Amino acid sequence: MPAETNYSSGPSGATGDGANVIGNPGGSIQDAMDASRNRLSSAYAAMQERSNQMLEGAEGYIQNRPFQAVIYAASVGAVIGFVAGMLLGAERTSDRSSWYRRWW
């Protein structure tokens, strides 16, 4: 059973009138693009639904436990601030490995 193609059969795509005519391969490309669009739009919709669920869950958590949420946010901020302070406030010497010495 021969494979189906969108290209005309014959030597070098020539037909009986001698013109180089290639069949319309755009049909299969268009179908593939439409299928890809459909998959992407369904993936986008699923991702949007999941993000809305996560947002509602986060809002519920913050509303049910406001102090705990503030403590978590402050802790993360303190860690980031400490690390940034260590990196930016290091001594400027020729020896690169001595930045930690003033903390010990």
C-alpha atoms as a PDB file:
ATOM      1  CA  MET A   1       0.000   0.000   0.000  1.00  0.00           C
ATOM      2  CA  PRO A   2       1.671   3.263  -1.042  1.00  0.00           C
ATOM      3  CA  ALA A   3       2.054   6.069   1.468  1.00  0.00           C
ATOM      4  CA  GLU A   4      -0.186   9.068   0.993  1.00  0.00           C
ATOM      5  CA  THR A   5       1.558  12.331   0.210  1.00  0.00           C
ATOM      6  CA  ASN A   6       0.419  15.760  -0.881  1.00  0.00           C
ATOM      7  CA  TYR A   7       3.019  15.941  -3.631  1.00  0.00           C
ATOM      8  CA  SER A   8       2.265  15.104  -7.205  1.00  0.00           C
ATOM      9  CA  SER A   9       3.696  11.868  -8.519  1.00  0.00           C
ATOM     10  CA  GLY A  10       6.016  11.786 -11.459  1.00  0.00           C
ATOM     11  CA  PRO A  11       9.613  12.657 -12.163  1.00  0.00           C
ATOM     12  CA  SER A  12      10.604  15.865 -10.349  1.00  0.00           C
ATOM     13  CA  GLY A  13       6.993  16.724  -9.737  1.00  0.00           C
ATOM     14  CA  ALA A  14       6.302  17.273 -13.427  1.00  0.00           C
ATOM     15  CA  THR A  15       2.847  16.708 -14.831  1.00  0.00           C
ATOM     16  CA  GLY A  16       1.730  15.997 -18.347  1.00  0.00           C
ATOM     17  CA  ASP A  17       1.944  19.641 -19.414  1.00  0.00           C
ATOM     18  CA  GLY A  18       5.644  19.878 -18.488  1.00  0.00           C
ATOM     19  CA  ALA A  19       5.229  22.444 -15.660  1.00  0.00           C
ATOM     20  CA  ASN A  20       6.857  21.837 -12.289  1.00  0.00           C
ATOM     21  CA  VAL A  21       3.761  21.615 -10.141  1.00  0.00           C
ATOM     22  CA  ILE A  22       3.904  20.491  -6.574  1.00  0.00           C
ATOM     23  CA  GLY A  23       0.707  19.557  -4.815  1.00  0.00           C
ATOM     24  CA  ASN A  24      -0.572  21.719  -1.984  1.00  0.00           C
ATOM     25  CA  PRO A  25       1.365  20.636   1.106  1.00  0.00           C
ATOM     26  CA  GLY A  26      -0.242  23.537   3.013  1.00  0.00           C
ATOM     27  CA  GLY A  27      -3.262  21.449   3.831  1.00  0.00           C
ATOM     28  CA  SER A  28      -1.364  19.107   6.105  1.00  0.00           C
ATOM     29  CA  ILE A  29       0.704  21.955   7.553  1.00  0.00           C
ATOM     30  CA  GLN A  30      -2.460  23.932   8.246  1.00  0.00           C
ATOM     31  CA  ASP A  31      -4.022  20.899   9.916  1.00  0.00           C
ATOM     32  CA  ALA A  32      -0.921  20.466  12.076  1.00  0.00           C
ATOM     33  CA  MET A  33      -0.968  24.145  13.007  1.00  0.00           C
ATOM     34  CA  ASP A  34      -4.652  23.953  13.927  1.00  0.00           C
ATOM     35  CA  ALA A  35      -4.026  20.883  16.057  1.00  0.00           C
ATOM     36  CA  SER A  36      -1.107  22.641  17.763  1.00  0.00           C
ATOM     37  CA  ARG A  37      -3.245  25.709  18.420  1.00  0.00           C
ATOM     38  CA  ASN A  38      -5.953  23.526  19.926  1.00  0.00           C
ATOM     39  CA  ARG A  39      -3.462  21.756  22.184  1.00  0.00           C
ATOM     40  CA  LEU A  40      -1.886  25.046  23.253  1.00  0.00           C
ATOM     41  CA  SER A  41      -5.238  26.665  23.975  1.00  0.00           C
ATOM     42  CA  SER A  42      -6.369  23.682  26.042  1.00  0.00           C
ATOM     43  CA  ALA A  43      -3.047  23.675  27.921  1.00  0.00           C
ATOM     44  CA  TYR A  44      -3.386  27.421  28.518  1.00  0.00           C
ATOM     45  CA  ALA A  45      -6.924  26.975  29.832  1.00  0.00           C
ATOM     46  CA  ALA A  46      -5.828  24.165  32.144  1.00  0.00           C
ATOM     47  CA  MET A  47      -2.884  26.224  33.410  1.00  0.00           C
ATOM     48  CA  GLN A  48      -5.124  29.233  33.982  1.00  0.00           C
ATOM     49  CA  GLU A  49      -7.609  27.107  35.926  1.00  0.00           C
ATOM     50  CA  ARG A  50      -4.802  25.625  38.043  1.00  0.00           C
ATOM     51  CA  SER A  51      -3.345  29.059  38.772  1.00  0.00           C
ATOM     52  CA  ASN A  52      -6.764  30.327  39.825  1.00  0.00           C
ATOM     53  CA  GLN A  53      -7.094  27.363  42.199  1.00  0.00           C
ATOM     54  CA  MET A  54      -3.652  28.072  43.660  1.00  0.00           C
ATOM     55  CA  LEU A  55      -4.524  31.751  44.104  1.00  0.00           C
ATOM     56  CA  GLU A  56      -7.757  30.896  45.884  1.00  0.00           C
ATOM     57  CA  GLY A  57      -5.878  28.460  48.121  1.00  0.00           C
ATOM     58  CA  ALA A  58      -3.249  31.069  48.984  1.00  0.00           C
ATOM     59  CA  GLU A  59      -5.907  33.670  49.729  1.00  0.00           C
ATOM     60  CA  GLY A  60      -7.730  31.212  51.967  1.00  0.00           C
ATOM     61  CA  TYR A  61      -4.513  30.358  53.804  1.00  0.00           C
ATOM     62  CA  ILE A  62      -3.683  34.016  54.367  1.00  0.00           C
ATOM     63  CA  GLN A  63      -7.204  34.813  55.546  1.00  0.00           C
ATOM     64  CA  ASN A  64      -7.294  31.833  57.933  1.00  0.00           C
ATOM     65  CA  ARG A  65      -3.759  32.289  59.309  1.00  0.00           C
ATOM     66  CA  PRO A  66      -2.730  35.942  58.892  1.00  0.00           C
ATOM     67  CA  PHE A  67      -0.041  36.012  61.584  1.00  0.00           C
ATOM     68  CA  GLN A  68       1.589  32.827  60.386  1.00  0.00           C
ATOM     69  CA  ALA A  69       1.646  34.165  56.814  1.00  0.00           C
ATOM     70  CA  VAL A  70       3.295  37.390  58.007  1.00  0.00           C
ATOM     71  CA  ILE A  71       5.878  35.419  59.991  1.00  0.00           C
ATOM     72  CA  TYR A  72       6.705  33.275  56.939  1.00  0.00           C
ATOM     73  CA  ALA A  73       7.059  36.334  54.712  1.00  0.00           C
ATOM     74  CA  ALA A  74       9.242  38.118  57.279  1.00  0.00           C
ATOM     75  CA  SER A  75      11.442  35.032  57.662  1.00  0.00           C
ATOM     76  CA  VAL A  76      12.011  34.743  53.936  1.00  0.00           C
ATOM     77  CA  GLY A  77      12.760  38.472  53.748  1.00  0.00           C
ATOM     78  CA  ALA A  78      15.212  38.230  56.648  1.00  0.00           C
ATOM     79  CA  VAL A  79      17.100  35.356  55.031  1.00  0.00           C
ATOM     80  CA  ILE A  80      17.295  37.172  51.702  1.00  0.00           C
ATOM     81  CA  GLY A  81      18.415  40.361  53.460  1.00  0.00           C
ATOM     82  CA  PHE A  82      21.072  38.521  55.465  1.00  0.00           C
ATOM     83  CA  VAL A  83      22.504  36.835  52.384  1.00  0.00           C
ATOM     84  CA  ALA A  84      22.467  40.101  50.425  1.00  0.00           C
ATOM     85  CA  GLY A  85      24.135  41.897  53.325  1.00  0.00           C
ATOM     86  CA  MET A  86      26.830  39.259  53.545  1.00  0.00           C
ATOM     87  CA  LEU A  87      27.555  39.486  49.842  1.00  0.00           C
ATOM     88  CA  LEU A  88      27.351  43.261  49.481  1.00  0.00           C
ATOM     89  CA  GLY A  89      28.915  44.214  52.812  1.00  0.00           C
ATOM     90  CA  ALA A  90      32.009  42.095  52.440  1.00  0.00           C
ATOM     91  CA  GLU A  91      35.412  43.620  53.041  1.00  0.00           C
ATOM     92  CA  ARG A  92      37.082  44.830  49.899  1.00  0.00           C
ATOM     93  CA  THR A  93      40.546  43.330  50.094  1.00  0.00           C
ATOM     94  CA  SER A  94      42.845  41.723  47.605  1.00  0.00           C
ATOM     95  CA  ASP A  95      42.221  38.323  49.217  1.00  0.00           C
ATOM     96  CA  ARG A  96      38.811  37.200  47.923  1.00  0.00           C
ATOM     97  CA  SER A  97      38.409  34.400  50.479  1.00  0.00           C
ATOM     98  CA  SER A  98      38.516  36.691  53.540  1.00  0.00           C
ATOM     99  CA  TRP A  99      34.978  38.079  53.317  1.00  0.00           C
ATOM    100  CA  TYR A 100      33.765  35.714  56.035  1.00  0.00           C
ATOM    101  CA  ARG A 101      36.511  36.497  58.569  1.00  0.00           C
ATOM    102  CA  ARG A 102      34.823  39.473  60.166  1.00  0.00           C
ATOM    103  CA  TRP A 103      31.835  37.286  61.096  1.00  0.00           C
ATOM    104  CA  TRP A 104      33.907  34.682  62.991  1.00  0.00           C
END
